[in-house]
PDB file of N, CA and C in Angstrom:
ATOM      1  N   MET A   1     -51.273 -17.342  61.368  1.00  0.00           N
ATOM      2  CA  MET A   1     -51.784 -17.362  62.726  1.00  0.00           C
ATOM      3  C   MET A   1     -52.420 -16.019  63.078  1.00  0.00           C
ATOM      4  N   GLU A   2     -51.898 -14.913  62.539  1.00  0.00           N
ATOM      5  CA  GLU A   2     -52.467 -13.593  62.817  1.00  0.00           C
ATOM      6  C   GLU A   2     -53.928 -13.528  62.390  1.00  0.00           C
ATOM      7  N   ASP A   3     -54.258 -14.069  61.210  1.00  0.00           N
ATOM      8  CA  ASP A   3     -55.640 -14.066  60.742  1.00  0.00           C
ATOM      9  C   ASP A   3     -56.532 -14.852  61.686  1.00  0.00           C
ATOM     10  N   GLU A   4     -56.026 -15.997  62.168  1.00  0.00           N
ATOM     11  CA  GLU A   4     -56.798 -16.828  63.090  1.00  0.00           C
ATOM     12  C   GLU A   4     -57.060 -16.074  64.390  1.00  0.00           C
ATOM     13  N   ARG A   5     -56.077 -15.328  64.887  1.00  0.00           N
ATOM     14  CA  ARG A   5     -56.259 -14.551  66.112  1.00  0.00           C
ATOM     15  C   ARG A   5     -57.266 -13.437  65.886  1.00  0.00           C
ATOM     16  N   ASN A   6     -57.141 -12.717  64.759  1.00  0.00           N
ATOM     17  CA  ASN A   6     -58.067 -11.626  64.484  1.00  0.00           C
ATOM     18  C   ASN A   6     -59.484 -12.148  64.314  1.00  0.00           C
ATOM     19  N   GLN A   7     -59.651 -13.254  63.648  1.00  0.00           N
ATOM     20  CA  GLN A   7     -60.965 -13.857  63.468  1.00  0.00           C
ATOM     21  C   GLN A   7     -61.504 -14.325  64.817  1.00  0.00           C
ATOM     22  N   GLY A   8     -60.655 -14.914  65.624  1.00  0.00           N
ATOM     23  CA  GLY A   8     -61.062 -15.376  66.949  1.00  0.00           C
ATOM     24  C   GLY A   8     -61.429 -14.236  67.878  1.00  0.00           C
ATOM     25  N   ALA A   9     -60.814 -13.072  67.673  1.00  0.00           N
ATOM     26  CA  ALA A   9     -61.092 -11.918  68.514  1.00  0.00           C
ATOM     27  C   ALA A   9     -62.555 -11.505  68.406  1.00  0.00           C
ATOM     28  N   ASP A  10     -63.156 -11.708  67.252  1.00  0.00           N
ATOM     29  CA  ASP A  10     -64.544 -11.321  67.050  1.00  0.00           C
ATOM     30  C   ASP A  10     -65.522 -12.299  67.678  1.00  0.00           C
ATOM     31  N   SER A  11     -65.151 -13.560  67.778  1.00  0.00           N
ATOM     32  CA  SER A  11     -66.095 -14.569  68.263  1.00  0.00           C
ATOM     33  C   SER A  11     -65.696 -15.195  69.595  1.00  0.00           C
ATOM     34  N   ALA A  12     -64.524 -14.880  70.112  1.00  0.00           N
ATOM     35  CA  ALA A  12     -64.043 -15.509  71.350  1.00  0.00           C
ATOM     36  C   ALA A  12     -64.866 -15.061  72.557  1.00  0.00           C
ATOM     37  N   MET A  13     -64.985 -15.967  73.504  1.00  0.00           N
ATOM     38  CA  MET A  13     -65.673 -15.669  74.758  1.00  0.00           C
ATOM     39  C   MET A  13     -64.637 -15.633  75.874  1.00  0.00           C
ATOM     40  N   SER A  14     -64.931 -14.883  76.906  1.00  0.00           N
ATOM     41  CA  SER A  14     -64.021 -14.775  78.038  1.00  0.00           C
ATOM     42  C   SER A  14     -63.822 -16.132  78.685  1.00  0.00           C
ATOM     43  N   ILE A  15     -62.597 -16.419  79.039  1.00  0.00           N
ATOM     44  CA  ILE A  15     -62.275 -17.698  79.680  1.00  0.00           C
ATOM     45  C   ILE A  15     -62.979 -17.820  81.032  1.00  0.00           C
ATOM     46  N   GLU A  16     -63.403 -16.679  81.584  1.00  0.00           N
ATOM     47  CA  GLU A  16     -64.153 -16.710  82.847  1.00  0.00           C
ATOM     48  C   GLU A  16     -65.515 -17.372  82.673  1.00  0.00           C
ATOM     49  N   SER A  17     -65.997 -17.453  81.431  1.00  0.00           N
ATOM     50  CA  SER A  17     -67.288 -18.101  81.132  1.00  0.00           C
ATOM     51  C   SER A  17     -67.128 -19.569  80.747  1.00  0.00           C
ATOM     52  N   LEU A  18     -65.910 -20.077  80.789  1.00  0.00           N
ATOM     53  CA  LEU A  18     -65.639 -21.458  80.405  1.00  0.00           C
ATOM     54  C   LEU A  18     -66.382 -22.404  81.341  1.00  0.00           C
ATOM     55  N   PRO A  19     -67.219 -23.290  80.793  1.00  0.00           N
ATOM     56  CA  PRO A  19     -67.979 -24.198  81.660  1.00  0.00           C
ATOM     57  C   PRO A  19     -67.083 -25.255  82.300  1.00  0.00           C
ATOM     58  N   ASP A  20     -67.505 -25.734  83.453  1.00  0.00           N
ATOM     59  CA  ASP A  20     -66.790 -26.829  84.114  1.00  0.00           C
ATOM     60  C   ASP A  20     -66.786 -28.038  83.185  1.00  0.00           C
ATOM     61  N   GLY A  21     -65.694 -28.746  83.158  1.00  0.00           N
ATOM     62  CA  GLY A  21     -65.591 -29.939  82.342  1.00  0.00           C
ATOM     63  C   GLY A  21     -65.440 -29.663  80.856  1.00  0.00           C
ATOM     64  N   ALA A  22     -64.988 -28.468  80.514  1.00  0.00           N
ATOM     65  CA  ALA A  22     -64.843 -28.120  79.100  1.00  0.00           C
ATOM     66  C   ALA A  22     -63.677 -28.847  78.445  1.00  0.00           C
ATOM     67  N   GLY A  23     -62.812 -29.416  79.246  1.00  0.00           N
ATOM     68  CA  GLY A  23     -61.670 -30.131  78.682  1.00  0.00           C
ATOM     69  C   GLY A  23     -60.468 -29.224  78.529  1.00  0.00           C
ATOM     70  N   PRO A  24     -59.391 -29.777  78.003  1.00  0.00           N
ATOM     71  CA  PRO A  24     -58.160 -29.002  77.867  1.00  0.00           C
ATOM     72  C   PRO A  24     -58.284 -27.925  76.788  1.00  0.00           C
ATOM     73  N   LEU A  25     -57.543 -26.847  76.983  1.00  0.00           N
ATOM     74  CA  LEU A  25     -57.496 -25.757  76.013  1.00  0.00           C
ATOM     75  C   LEU A  25     -56.151 -25.763  75.320  1.00  0.00           C
ATOM     76  N   GLU A  26     -56.165 -25.376  74.058  1.00  0.00           N
ATOM     77  CA  GLU A  26     -54.926 -25.253  73.281  1.00  0.00           C
ATOM     78  C   GLU A  26     -54.658 -23.769  73.066  1.00  0.00           C
ATOM     79  N   LEU A  27     -53.444 -23.330  73.367  1.00  0.00           N
ATOM     80  CA  LEU A  27     -53.061 -21.944  73.145  1.00  0.00           C
ATOM     81  C   LEU A  27     -52.989 -21.690  71.645  1.00  0.00           C
ATOM     82  N   VAL A  28     -53.717 -20.676  71.178  1.00  0.00           N
ATOM     83  CA  VAL A  28     -53.726 -20.331  69.761  1.00  0.00           C
ATOM     84  C   VAL A  28     -52.714 -19.219  69.481  1.00  0.00           C
ATOM     85  N   GLY A  29     -52.654 -18.233  70.373  1.00  0.00           N
ATOM     86  CA  GLY A  29     -51.710 -17.136  70.185  1.00  0.00           C
ATOM     87  C   GLY A  29     -52.062 -15.948  71.054  1.00  0.00           C
ATOM     88  N   GLU A  30     -51.325 -14.878  70.829  1.00  0.00           N
ATOM     89  CA  GLU A  30     -51.502 -13.652  71.600  1.00  0.00           C
ATOM     90  C   GLU A  30     -51.610 -12.483  70.647  1.00  0.00           C
ATOM     91  N   LEU A  31     -52.316 -11.438  71.090  1.00  0.00           N
ATOM     92  CA  LEU A  31     -52.492 -10.249  70.276  1.00  0.00           C
ATOM     93  C   LEU A  31     -52.410  -9.031  71.177  1.00  0.00           C
ATOM     94  N   GLN A  32     -51.489  -8.127  70.896  1.00  0.00           N
ATOM     95  CA  GLN A  32     -51.309  -6.916  71.691  1.00  0.00           C
ATOM     96  C   GLN A  32     -52.137  -5.801  71.074  1.00  0.00           C
ATOM     97  N   ARG A  33     -52.958  -5.155  71.884  1.00  0.00           N
ATOM     98  CA  ARG A  33     -53.727  -3.977  71.461  1.00  0.00           C
ATOM     99  C   ARG A  33     -53.550  -2.910  72.527  1.00  0.00           C
ATOM    100  N   GLY A  34     -52.711  -1.947  72.221  1.00  0.00           N
ATOM    101  CA  GLY A  34     -52.397  -0.934  73.222  1.00  0.00           C
ATOM    102  C   GLY A  34     -51.674  -1.581  74.384  1.00  0.00           C
ATOM    103  N   LYS A  35     -52.148  -1.324  75.597  1.00  0.00           N
ATOM    104  CA  LYS A  35     -51.544  -1.923  76.792  1.00  0.00           C
ATOM    105  C   LYS A  35     -52.187  -3.248  77.170  1.00  0.00           C
ATOM    106  N   ARG A  36     -53.140  -3.680  76.374  1.00  0.00           N
ATOM    107  CA  ARG A  36     -53.879  -4.910  76.667  1.00  0.00           C
ATOM    108  C   ARG A  36     -53.332  -6.059  75.818  1.00  0.00           C
ATOM    109  N   LEU A  37     -53.045  -7.184  76.468  1.00  0.00           N
ATOM    110  CA  LEU A  37     -52.574  -8.388  75.790  1.00  0.00           C
ATOM    111  C   LEU A  37     -53.684  -9.427  75.861  1.00  0.00           C
ATOM    112  N   TYR A  38     -54.186  -9.837  74.693  1.00  0.00           N
ATOM    113  CA  TYR A  38     -55.219 -10.869  74.615  1.00  0.00           C
ATOM    114  C   TYR A  38     -54.536 -12.202  74.339  1.00  0.00           C
ATOM    115  N   ILE A  39     -54.902 -13.216  75.100  1.00  0.00           N
ATOM    116  CA  ILE A  39     -54.343 -14.553  74.942  1.00  0.00           C
ATOM    117  C   ILE A  39     -55.501 -15.460  74.517  1.00  0.00           C
ATOM    118  N   TYR A  40     -55.362 -16.066  73.331  1.00  0.00           N
ATOM    119  CA  TYR A  40     -56.448 -16.838  72.732  1.00  0.00           C
ATOM    120  C   TYR A  40     -56.213 -18.337  72.858  1.00  0.00           C
ATOM    121  N   TYR A  41     -57.313 -19.056  73.113  1.00  0.00           N
ATOM    122  CA  TYR A  41     -57.284 -20.503  73.275  1.00  0.00           C
ATOM    123  C   TYR A  41     -58.401 -21.116  72.429  1.00  0.00           C
ATOM    124  N   ARG A  42     -58.271 -22.391  72.136  1.00  0.00           N
ATOM    125  CA  ARG A  42     -59.323 -23.141  71.453  1.00  0.00           C
ATOM    126  C   ARG A  42     -59.589 -24.399  72.263  1.00  0.00           C
ATOM    127  N   ASP A  43     -60.877 -24.719  72.449  1.00  0.00           N
ATOM    128  CA  ASP A  43     -61.218 -25.940  73.182  1.00  0.00           C
ATOM    129  C   ASP A  43     -61.320 -27.116  72.215  1.00  0.00           C
ATOM    130  N   THR A  44     -61.565 -28.291  72.748  1.00  0.00           N
ATOM    131  CA  THR A  44     -61.584 -29.502  71.924  1.00  0.00           C
ATOM    132  C   THR A  44     -62.759 -29.535  70.952  1.00  0.00           C
ATOM    133  N   LYS A  45     -63.777 -28.700  71.184  1.00  0.00           N
ATOM    134  CA  LYS A  45     -64.931 -28.630  70.281  1.00  0.00           C
ATOM    135  C   LYS A  45     -64.803 -27.495  69.267  1.00  0.00           C
ATOM    136  N   GLY A  46     -63.666 -26.781  69.287  1.00  0.00           N
ATOM    137  CA  GLY A  46     -63.438 -25.699  68.337  1.00  0.00           C
ATOM    138  C   GLY A  46     -63.860 -24.328  68.819  1.00  0.00           C
ATOM    139  N   GLY A  47     -64.344 -24.236  70.056  1.00  0.00           N
ATOM    140  CA  GLY A  47     -64.739 -22.941  70.613  1.00  0.00           C
ATOM    141  C   GLY A  47     -63.528 -22.071  70.895  1.00  0.00           C
ATOM    142  N   CYS A  48     -63.674 -20.764  70.716  1.00  0.00           N
ATOM    143  CA  CYS A  48     -62.578 -19.810  70.957  1.00  0.00           C
ATOM    144  C   CYS A  48     -62.793 -19.096  72.285  1.00  0.00           C
ATOM    145  N   TRP A  49     -61.721 -18.977  73.047  1.00  0.00           N
ATOM    146  CA  TRP A  49     -61.751 -18.359  74.365  1.00  0.00           C
ATOM    147  C   TRP A  49     -60.578 -17.394  74.475  1.00  0.00           C
ATOM    148  N   TYR A  50     -60.709 -16.404  75.359  1.00  0.00           N
ATOM    149  CA  TYR A  50     -59.591 -15.482  75.568  1.00  0.00           C
ATOM    150  C   TYR A  50     -59.464 -15.110  77.041  1.00  0.00           C
ATOM    151  N   SER A  51     -58.266 -14.753  77.412  1.00  0.00           N
ATOM    152  CA  SER A  51     -58.004 -14.097  78.687  1.00  0.00           C
ATOM    153  C   SER A  51     -57.185 -12.867  78.336  1.00  0.00           C
ATOM    154  N   ASN A  52     -57.097 -11.925  79.255  1.00  0.00           N
ATOM    155  CA  ASN A  52     -56.291 -10.760  78.938  1.00  0.00           C
ATOM    156  C   ASN A  52     -55.470 -10.302  80.127  1.00  0.00           C
ATOM    157  N   MET A  53     -54.415  -9.603  79.796  1.00  0.00           N
ATOM    158  CA  MET A  53     -53.503  -9.045  80.781  1.00  0.00           C
ATOM    159  C   MET A  53     -53.298  -7.575  80.415  1.00  0.00           C
ATOM    160  N   ILE A  54     -52.958  -6.751  81.405  1.00  0.00           N
ATOM    161  CA  ILE A  54     -52.711  -5.335  81.186  1.00  0.00           C
ATOM    162  C   ILE A  54     -51.231  -5.073  81.451  1.00  0.00           C
ATOM    163  N   GLN A  55     -50.595  -4.358  80.520  1.00  0.00           N
ATOM    164  CA  GLN A  55     -49.184  -4.019  80.680  1.00  0.00           C
ATOM    165  C   GLN A  55     -49.061  -2.789  81.580  1.00  0.00           C
ATOM    166  N   THR A  56     -48.262  -2.933  82.641  1.00  0.00           N
ATOM    167  CA  THR A  56     -47.988  -1.824  83.541  1.00  0.00           C
ATOM    168  C   THR A  56     -46.483  -1.590  83.549  1.00  0.00           C
ATOM    169  N   GLU A  57     -46.052  -0.594  84.258  1.00  0.00           N
ATOM    170  CA  GLU A  57     -44.605  -0.346  84.335  1.00  0.00           C
ATOM    171  C   GLU A  57     -43.874  -1.446  85.091  1.00  0.00           C
ATOM    172  N   ASN A  58     -44.625  -2.294  85.812  1.00  0.00           N
ATOM    173  CA  ASN A  58     -44.035  -3.417  86.543  1.00  0.00           C
ATOM    174  C   ASN A  58     -44.243  -4.753  85.845  1.00  0.00           C
ATOM    175  N   GLY A  59     -44.693  -4.723  84.595  1.00  0.00           N
ATOM    176  CA  GLY A  59     -44.946  -5.951  83.854  1.00  0.00           C
ATOM    177  C   GLY A  59     -46.437  -6.162  83.646  1.00  0.00           C
ATOM    178  N   TYR A  60     -46.820  -7.370  83.245  1.00  0.00           N
ATOM    179  CA  TYR A  60     -48.217  -7.686  82.978  1.00  0.00           C
ATOM    180  C   TYR A  60     -48.922  -8.149  84.242  1.00  0.00           C
ATOM    181  N   VAL A  61     -50.152  -7.681  84.407  1.00  0.00           N
ATOM    182  CA  VAL A  61     -50.994  -8.106  85.523  1.00  0.00           C
ATOM    183  C   VAL A  61     -52.369  -8.462  84.959  1.00  0.00           C
ATOM    184  N   THR A  62     -53.130  -9.230  85.725  1.00  0.00           N
ATOM    185  CA  THR A  62     -54.485  -9.559  85.284  1.00  0.00           C
ATOM    186  C   THR A  62     -55.335  -8.292  85.296  1.00  0.00           C
ATOM    187  N   GLU A  63     -56.429  -8.335  84.548  1.00  0.00           N
ATOM    188  CA  GLU A  63     -57.333  -7.186  84.523  1.00  0.00           C
ATOM    189  C   GLU A  63     -57.902  -6.922  85.913  1.00  0.00           C
ATOM    190  N   GLU A  64     -58.223  -7.980  86.633  1.00  0.00           N
ATOM    191  CA  GLU A  64     -58.751  -7.847  87.997  1.00  0.00           C
ATOM    192  C   GLU A  64     -57.745  -7.129  88.905  1.00  0.00           C
ATOM    193  N   GLU A  65     -56.480  -7.540  88.812  1.00  0.00           N
ATOM    194  CA  GLU A  65     -55.448  -6.905  89.634  1.00  0.00           C
ATOM    195  C   GLU A  65     -55.240  -5.457  89.217  1.00  0.00           C
ATOM    196  N   TYR A  66     -55.334  -5.173  87.933  1.00  0.00           N
ATOM    197  CA  TYR A  66     -55.177  -3.802  87.437  1.00  0.00           C
ATOM    198  C   TYR A  66     -56.279  -2.903  87.992  1.00  0.00           C
ATOM    199  N   ILE A  67     -57.503  -3.415  88.041  1.00  0.00           N
ATOM    200  CA  ILE A  67     -58.639  -2.617  88.506  1.00  0.00           C
ATOM    201  C   ILE A  67     -58.688  -2.522  90.025  1.00  0.00           C
ATOM    202  N   PHE A  68     -58.532  -3.669  90.710  1.00  0.00           N
ATOM    203  CA  PHE A  68     -58.752  -3.718  92.153  1.00  0.00           C
ATOM    204  C   PHE A  68     -57.483  -3.740  92.990  1.00  0.00           C
ATOM    205  N   GLY A  69     -56.324  -3.886  92.370  1.00  0.00           N
ATOM    206  CA  GLY A  69     -55.075  -3.969  93.113  1.00  0.00           C
ATOM    207  C   GLY A  69     -54.724  -5.410  93.438  1.00  0.00           C
ATOM    208  N   LYS A  70     -53.543  -5.597  94.007  1.00  0.00           N
ATOM    209  CA  LYS A  70     -53.093  -6.947  94.345  1.00  0.00           C
ATOM    210  C   LYS A  70     -53.985  -7.582  95.380  1.00  0.00           C
ATOM    211  N   LYS A  71     -54.204  -8.879  95.197  1.00  0.00           N
ATOM    212  CA  LYS A  71     -54.982  -9.617  96.175  1.00  0.00           C
ATOM    213  C   LYS A  71     -54.185  -9.763  97.465  1.00  0.00           C
ATOM    214  N   ARG A  72     -54.887  -9.621  98.553  1.00  0.00           N
ATOM    215  CA  ARG A  72     -54.249  -9.863  99.841  1.00  0.00           C
ATOM    216  C   ARG A  72     -54.480 -11.296 100.242  1.00  0.00           C
ATOM    217  N   ARG A  73     -53.464 -11.899 100.776  1.00  0.00           N
ATOM    218  CA  ARG A  73     -53.593 -13.281 101.238  1.00  0.00           C
ATOM    219  C   ARG A  73     -54.406 -13.312 102.525  1.00  0.00           C
ATOM    220  N   GLU A  74     -55.442 -14.136 102.532  1.00  0.00           N
ATOM    221  CA  GLU A  74     -56.264 -14.250 103.747  1.00  0.00           C
ATOM    222  C   GLU A  74     -55.584 -15.169 104.733  1.00  0.00           C
ATOM    223  N   ARG A  75     -55.768 -14.872 105.991  1.00  0.00           N
ATOM    224  CA  ARG A  75     -55.142 -15.678 107.042  1.00  0.00           C
ATOM    225  C   ARG A  75     -56.097 -16.637 107.618  1.00  0.00           C
TER     226      ARG A  75
END
């Protein structure tokens, strides 16, 4: 599985670019690089996708939350 993750790391696209109606994703695995955790998925057509989280002293947060801070709930 490690080889599949490393190979997918080179060709994977951000899950934020996933088109509408892409279908279900299958979790392939995770890969830790420094404080960044990459989570890899495969779609039904064999495409590779990833999302990532950043490790902080309070646990893992999304990259967006790491950069911009916690989202405030709108009223």
